[in-house]
Each structure stands twice: as structure tokens, then as C-alpha cells.
Amino acid sequence: MLKILDHIEEWLITFLMGVATIIIFASVVHRYGSGLAIPGLQDWLLSLHFGWAQELCIIMFVWMAKFGAAYGVRTGIHVGVDVLINRLSAPNRARFVVIGLGAGALFTGIVGTLGLTFVLENGAHYQFLTWFGMDTGDLYEGPTTPDLEWPTWIVYSAIPLGSYLMCFRFLQVMAAFLRTGELPTHDHGHVEGIDEEHLPVDANYYDMDDNLHPHDLKHKQLGKNGNGARGDKQ
């Protein structure tokens, strides 16, 4: 189960991005093709309705953003300025890192709970009871989107789902940090599929010695003469 959860962001973002690209491409081709005075083809294109395409793509990008934020926590690609924390001793730096991760988990957990409450009050509670054949009472059925006419609670579900996943990622990173002393870091120069062992020996790995990026407990600052070790890059 955890193996599936470890890659759920990539799978969902890849799927949404691919579908959105196809829909946008088809919509643009339809728009310009409908203006071509080609007998038969023009009439067929005009009979197609693509008014829903923009709304659907907006919804997809919202979901991509929420789950992309969770992916950023897991891989360490979120921007962080830790000039003061990086100057602390290792024990104090570890305490502040744990506090920061805990604060992130608490914040995203609160946002997820508030989002879940909003989704339930926006029609999800009514829909769930309807599916199970239970009495809905005076519950609010909820509005629908303008073009697709989907229940809006489906769209807004990205907030609790994405936020709770971010909360889990913060806790996951915290547990790994307490166990190993390492934080996830993302090498912007790394290309997927290329083995780092085949890189030149003098390759400049993603350098974090500028005090503008979080340092884990394995990181060692370079000295004034330029000598030093990266800990895990020796």
C-alpha cells in the first residue's frame, strides 16, 4: 500500500497533465478548423461542442497544483530560506527542522479538515446519503459547475485530499529525518534515466553552500579555502 502511495502524486499529475494537453490541443484544432470553409468537415466540426473544455482543464490544473504541492514536500523541491537555521549547531538545527515540519503538518492538517467540512456542507454529505439510500433530511444538495454541470464538491475535494496528503508527507519526512538526519533534496540538474556514476568526476552537484537552502545533518559547509565534504558525496 505504501509503495502505491509513494508514487500516487506522479501518477495522478502525469494522467491529468496528459489528458489536459490532449483536450487543449483538440479544442484549439476544433476552434480553428471550424473556421475553414470545407464542405462536410466544417459542418461536422460545428456540430461538436467544446464549451466544457476550458472548465475541465481548469479543474485539472487545480488538482495538479494541490497534489503537486504534496509531491514537493516529499521530494524537497519547495523553496525555503533558512539563513539563520543553517548557522545553528547541529542539535539546534535539528530541533528547528522538526518544529518546521511539525508546523507544516499541523497547518496542512487544519486546512484539510476545514476543506473536508466545506466539501461535506457543499453537497458531498447529501450525495453520500443518496448513494446509500438513506434519508437526506434537509441537507443541501449543492451547486453544480456551469459547463460540465458536475457537483462542485467533486472539484473542491482536491483541497482535503491534497492537504491531507501534504500532512502525511510532512510527517513522513519528519520520521525519516529523526531516523537518519537527512532531508529530501532535489537535484535540478539531474536527468531521470542517467546514472550519476557515469557523470564526470568533477561534476558540480547541486550546491547548497549559499545558506539559502535547508541543510540536513549530513551536510558539511565548505571551508574558506574551498575544501570540505558534502557528507554523502565524498
Protein backbone atom coordinates (compact mmCIF):
# COMPACT_ATOMS: atom_id res chain seq x y z
CA MET A 1 0.00 0.00 0.00
CA LEU A 2 2.80 2.40 0.89
CA LYS A 3 4.55 1.62 -2.40
CA ILE A 4 1.45 2.78 -4.26
CA LEU A 5 1.13 5.85 -2.05
CA ASP A 6 4.78 6.76 -2.66
CA HIS A 7 4.04 7.37 -6.34
CA ILE A 8 0.42 8.47 -6.32
CA GLU A 9 1.32 12.13 -6.99
CA GLU A 10 3.39 11.33 -10.07
CA TRP A 11 0.71 9.04 -11.50
CA LEU A 12 -2.11 11.49 -10.90
CA ILE A 13 -0.20 14.54 -12.14
CA THR A 14 1.02 12.67 -15.23
CA PHE A 15 -2.51 11.49 -16.05
CA LEU A 16 -4.09 14.91 -15.53
CA MET A 17 -1.37 16.71 -17.47
CA GLY A 18 -1.61 14.28 -20.39
CA VAL A 19 -5.42 14.46 -20.58
CA ALA A 20 -5.40 18.26 -20.25
CA THR A 21 -2.85 18.55 -23.06
CA ILE A 22 -4.96 16.37 -25.36
CA ILE A 23 -8.14 18.31 -24.55
CA ILE A 24 -6.50 21.70 -25.10
CA PHE A 25 -4.98 20.53 -28.39
CA ALA A 26 -8.29 19.14 -29.61
CA SER A 27 -10.10 22.31 -28.57
CA VAL A 28 -7.67 24.55 -30.44
CA VAL A 29 -7.83 22.38 -33.57
CA HIS A 30 -11.62 22.42 -33.36
CA ARG A 31 -11.73 26.20 -32.99
CA TYR A 32 -9.52 26.92 -36.00
CA GLY A 33 -10.84 24.02 -38.07
CA SER A 34 -14.39 25.27 -37.65
CA GLY A 35 -13.40 28.44 -39.49
CA LEU A 36 -12.30 26.56 -42.60
CA ALA A 37 -14.93 26.61 -45.33
CA ILE A 38 -14.59 22.90 -46.17
CA PRO A 39 -17.92 21.31 -47.07
CA GLY A 40 -18.85 18.45 -44.75
CA LEU A 41 -15.86 18.89 -42.43
CA GLN A 42 -16.93 22.35 -41.28
CA ASP A 43 -20.49 21.21 -40.59
CA TRP A 44 -19.21 18.23 -38.61
CA LEU A 45 -16.83 20.36 -36.54
CA LEU A 46 -19.54 22.91 -35.80
CA SER A 47 -21.76 20.11 -34.52
CA LEU A 48 -19.17 19.29 -31.86
CA HIS A 49 -19.43 21.10 -28.54
CA PHE A 50 -16.17 22.01 -26.77
CA GLY A 51 -17.54 24.62 -24.38
CA TRP A 52 -16.71 22.34 -21.45
CA ALA A 53 -13.00 22.04 -22.34
CA GLN A 54 -11.81 25.19 -20.58
CA GLU A 55 -13.66 24.42 -17.37
CA LEU A 56 -12.41 20.83 -17.26
CA CYS A 57 -8.79 21.90 -17.84
CA ILE A 58 -9.05 24.49 -15.06
CA ILE A 59 -10.31 21.79 -12.70
CA MET A 60 -7.44 19.51 -13.74
CA PHE A 61 -4.84 22.21 -13.12
CA VAL A 62 -6.29 22.86 -9.65
CA TRP A 63 -5.94 19.16 -8.81
CA MET A 64 -2.43 19.13 -10.27
CA ALA A 65 -1.45 22.08 -8.08
CA LYS A 66 -2.76 20.51 -4.87
CA PHE A 67 -1.12 17.13 -5.43
CA GLY A 68 1.98 18.78 -6.86
CA ALA A 69 2.41 20.56 -3.52
CA ALA A 70 2.38 17.19 -1.74
CA TYR A 71 4.94 15.92 -4.26
CA GLY A 72 7.10 18.95 -3.47
CA VAL A 73 7.13 18.11 0.24
CA ARG A 74 8.15 14.52 -0.44
CA THR A 75 10.96 15.41 -2.84
CA GLY A 76 12.16 18.60 -1.16
CA ILE A 77 11.59 20.99 -4.08
CA HIS A 78 9.69 23.65 -2.13
CA VAL A 79 11.56 26.94 -1.79
CA GLY A 80 12.88 27.66 1.68
CA VAL A 81 15.15 30.40 3.03
CA ASP A 82 16.93 29.07 6.12
CA VAL A 83 19.81 31.50 6.54
CA LEU A 84 19.56 31.63 10.32
CA ILE A 85 18.74 27.95 10.88
CA ASN A 86 21.69 26.80 8.77
CA ARG A 87 24.05 28.79 11.02
CA LEU A 88 22.92 26.95 14.15
CA SER A 89 24.67 23.98 15.67
CA ALA A 90 23.54 20.55 14.51
CA PRO A 91 21.39 19.79 17.60
CA ASN A 92 19.61 23.16 17.49
CA ARG A 93 19.22 22.95 13.73
CA ALA A 94 17.60 19.52 14.12
CA ARG A 95 15.13 20.90 16.66
CA PHE A 96 14.08 23.75 14.37
CA VAL A 97 13.77 21.41 11.39
CA VAL A 98 11.45 19.15 13.38
CA ILE A 99 9.45 22.18 14.56
CA GLY A 100 9.13 23.40 10.96
CA LEU A 101 7.99 20.02 9.67
CA GLY A 102 5.56 19.69 12.55
CA ALA A 103 4.14 23.14 11.83
CA GLY A 104 3.71 22.19 8.19
CA ALA A 105 1.89 19.01 9.16
CA LEU A 106 -0.35 20.90 11.59
CA PHE A 107 -1.18 23.63 9.07
CA THR A 108 -1.99 21.25 6.23
CA GLY A 109 -4.00 19.06 8.60
CA ILE A 110 -6.10 22.06 9.62
CA VAL A 111 -6.58 23.14 6.01
CA GLY A 112 -7.58 19.58 5.08
CA THR A 113 -10.12 19.42 7.90
CA LEU A 114 -11.63 22.79 7.02
CA GLY A 115 -11.72 21.74 3.36
CA LEU A 116 -13.41 18.46 4.23
CA THR A 117 -16.05 20.30 6.26
CA PHE A 118 -16.68 22.64 3.34
CA VAL A 119 -16.95 19.75 0.87
CA LEU A 120 -19.44 17.90 3.09
CA GLU A 121 -21.56 21.02 3.55
CA ASN A 122 -21.38 21.77 -0.18
CA GLY A 123 -23.27 18.65 -1.21
CA ALA A 124 -20.99 15.68 -0.51
CA HIS A 125 -22.91 14.66 2.63
CA TYR A 126 -26.18 14.75 0.68
CA GLN A 127 -24.66 12.73 -2.17
CA PHE A 128 -23.21 10.04 0.10
CA LEU A 129 -26.55 9.52 1.84
CA THR A 130 -28.29 9.37 -1.54
CA TRP A 131 -25.89 6.68 -2.79
CA PHE A 132 -26.63 4.52 0.26
CA GLY A 133 -30.38 5.10 0.00
CA MET A 134 -30.55 6.91 3.34
CA ASP A 135 -32.73 9.84 4.33
CA THR A 136 -31.10 13.15 3.40
CA GLY A 137 -33.34 15.27 5.59
CA ASP A 138 -32.81 18.96 4.98
CA LEU A 139 -29.23 18.58 3.77
CA TYR A 140 -28.06 20.89 0.99
CA GLU A 141 -27.85 19.19 -2.41
CA GLY A 142 -25.11 21.56 -3.52
CA PRO A 143 -24.48 23.56 -6.71
CA THR A 144 -23.05 22.34 -10.00
CA THR A 145 -20.38 23.72 -12.30
CA PRO A 146 -21.60 25.98 -15.16
CA ASP A 147 -20.42 23.99 -18.19
CA LEU A 148 -19.90 20.40 -17.10
CA GLU A 149 -22.75 20.54 -14.58
CA TRP A 150 -20.71 18.46 -12.16
CA PRO A 151 -21.36 18.77 -8.41
CA THR A 152 -18.91 21.38 -7.17
CA TRP A 153 -17.99 19.24 -4.15
CA ILE A 154 -16.14 16.92 -6.53
CA VAL A 155 -13.98 19.82 -7.69
CA TYR A 156 -13.40 21.11 -4.14
CA SER A 157 -12.40 17.63 -2.95
CA ALA A 158 -8.90 18.47 -4.16
CA ILE A 159 -8.49 20.65 -1.05
CA PRO A 160 -8.96 17.99 1.67
CA LEU A 161 -7.34 15.19 -0.36
CA GLY A 162 -4.29 17.23 -1.36
CA SER A 163 -3.92 18.85 2.06
CA TYR A 164 -4.17 15.56 3.96
CA LEU A 165 -1.61 14.04 1.60
CA MET A 166 0.70 17.01 2.27
CA CYS A 167 0.21 16.46 6.01
CA PHE A 168 1.18 12.83 5.61
CA ARG A 169 4.26 13.80 3.58
CA PHE A 170 5.38 16.26 6.28
CA LEU A 171 5.06 13.53 8.90
CA GLN A 172 6.84 11.08 6.59
CA VAL A 173 9.75 13.48 6.05
CA MET A 174 9.89 14.18 9.79
CA ALA A 175 10.06 10.48 10.63
CA ALA A 176 12.86 9.96 8.09
CA PHE A 177 14.73 12.99 9.45
CA LEU A 178 14.53 11.74 13.03
CA ARG A 179 15.73 8.32 11.90
CA THR A 180 18.55 9.32 9.52
CA GLY A 181 19.17 13.05 9.99
CA GLU A 182 18.60 13.64 6.28
CA LEU A 183 16.11 15.84 4.46
CA PRO A 184 14.88 15.17 0.92
CA THR A 185 16.76 17.27 -1.62
CA HIS A 186 16.11 17.73 -5.31
CA ASP A 187 18.93 17.98 -7.81
CA HIS A 188 17.67 20.33 -10.54
CA GLY A 189 20.49 19.22 -12.79
CA HIS A 190 19.62 15.54 -12.55
CA VAL A 191 18.08 13.93 -15.61
CA GLU A 192 15.91 10.89 -14.99
CA GLY A 193 17.41 7.76 -16.52
CA ILE A 194 21.04 8.92 -16.38
CA ASP A 195 23.19 7.07 -13.89
CA GLU A 196 25.13 9.53 -11.72
CA GLU A 197 28.06 7.12 -11.56
CA HIS A 198 28.77 7.90 -15.22
CA LEU A 199 28.98 11.67 -14.63
CA PRO A 200 32.42 13.32 -14.79
CA VAL A 201 34.31 13.15 -11.52
CA ASP A 202 34.47 16.96 -11.36
CA ALA A 203 30.73 17.38 -11.97
CA ASN A 204 29.29 20.19 -9.84
CA TYR A 205 26.46 18.64 -7.90
CA TYR A 206 23.59 20.87 -6.83
CA ASP A 207 25.44 23.08 -4.35
CA MET A 208 23.69 24.24 -1.19
CA ASP A 209 26.54 26.20 0.39
CA ASP A 210 24.84 29.57 -0.08
CA ASN A 211 22.80 29.45 3.18
CA LEU A 212 19.65 29.85 1.12
CA HIS A 213 18.62 26.20 1.19
CA PRO A 214 17.89 23.82 4.09
CA HIS A 215 20.87 21.74 5.19
CA ASP A 216 20.31 18.34 6.71
CA LEU A 217 22.53 16.93 9.43
CA LYS A 218 24.69 15.10 6.88
CA HIS A 219 25.64 18.34 5.11
CA LYS A 220 29.03 19.90 5.79
CA GLN A 221 29.80 23.52 4.93
CA LEU A 222 32.77 24.20 2.69
CA GLY A 223 35.69 25.97 4.31
CA LYS A 224 37.08 29.35 3.26
CA ASN A 225 39.74 27.66 1.16
CA GLY A 226 37.07 25.77 -0.76
CA ASN A 227 37.90 22.44 0.84
CA GLY A 228 35.25 20.39 2.53
CA ALA A 229 32.94 17.46 2.11
CA ARG A 230 29.30 17.11 1.31
CA GLY A 231 28.94 14.20 3.70
CA ASP A 232 27.14 11.83 1.34
CA LYS A 233 29.09 12.97 -1.73
CA GLN A 234 32.55 12.04 -0.53
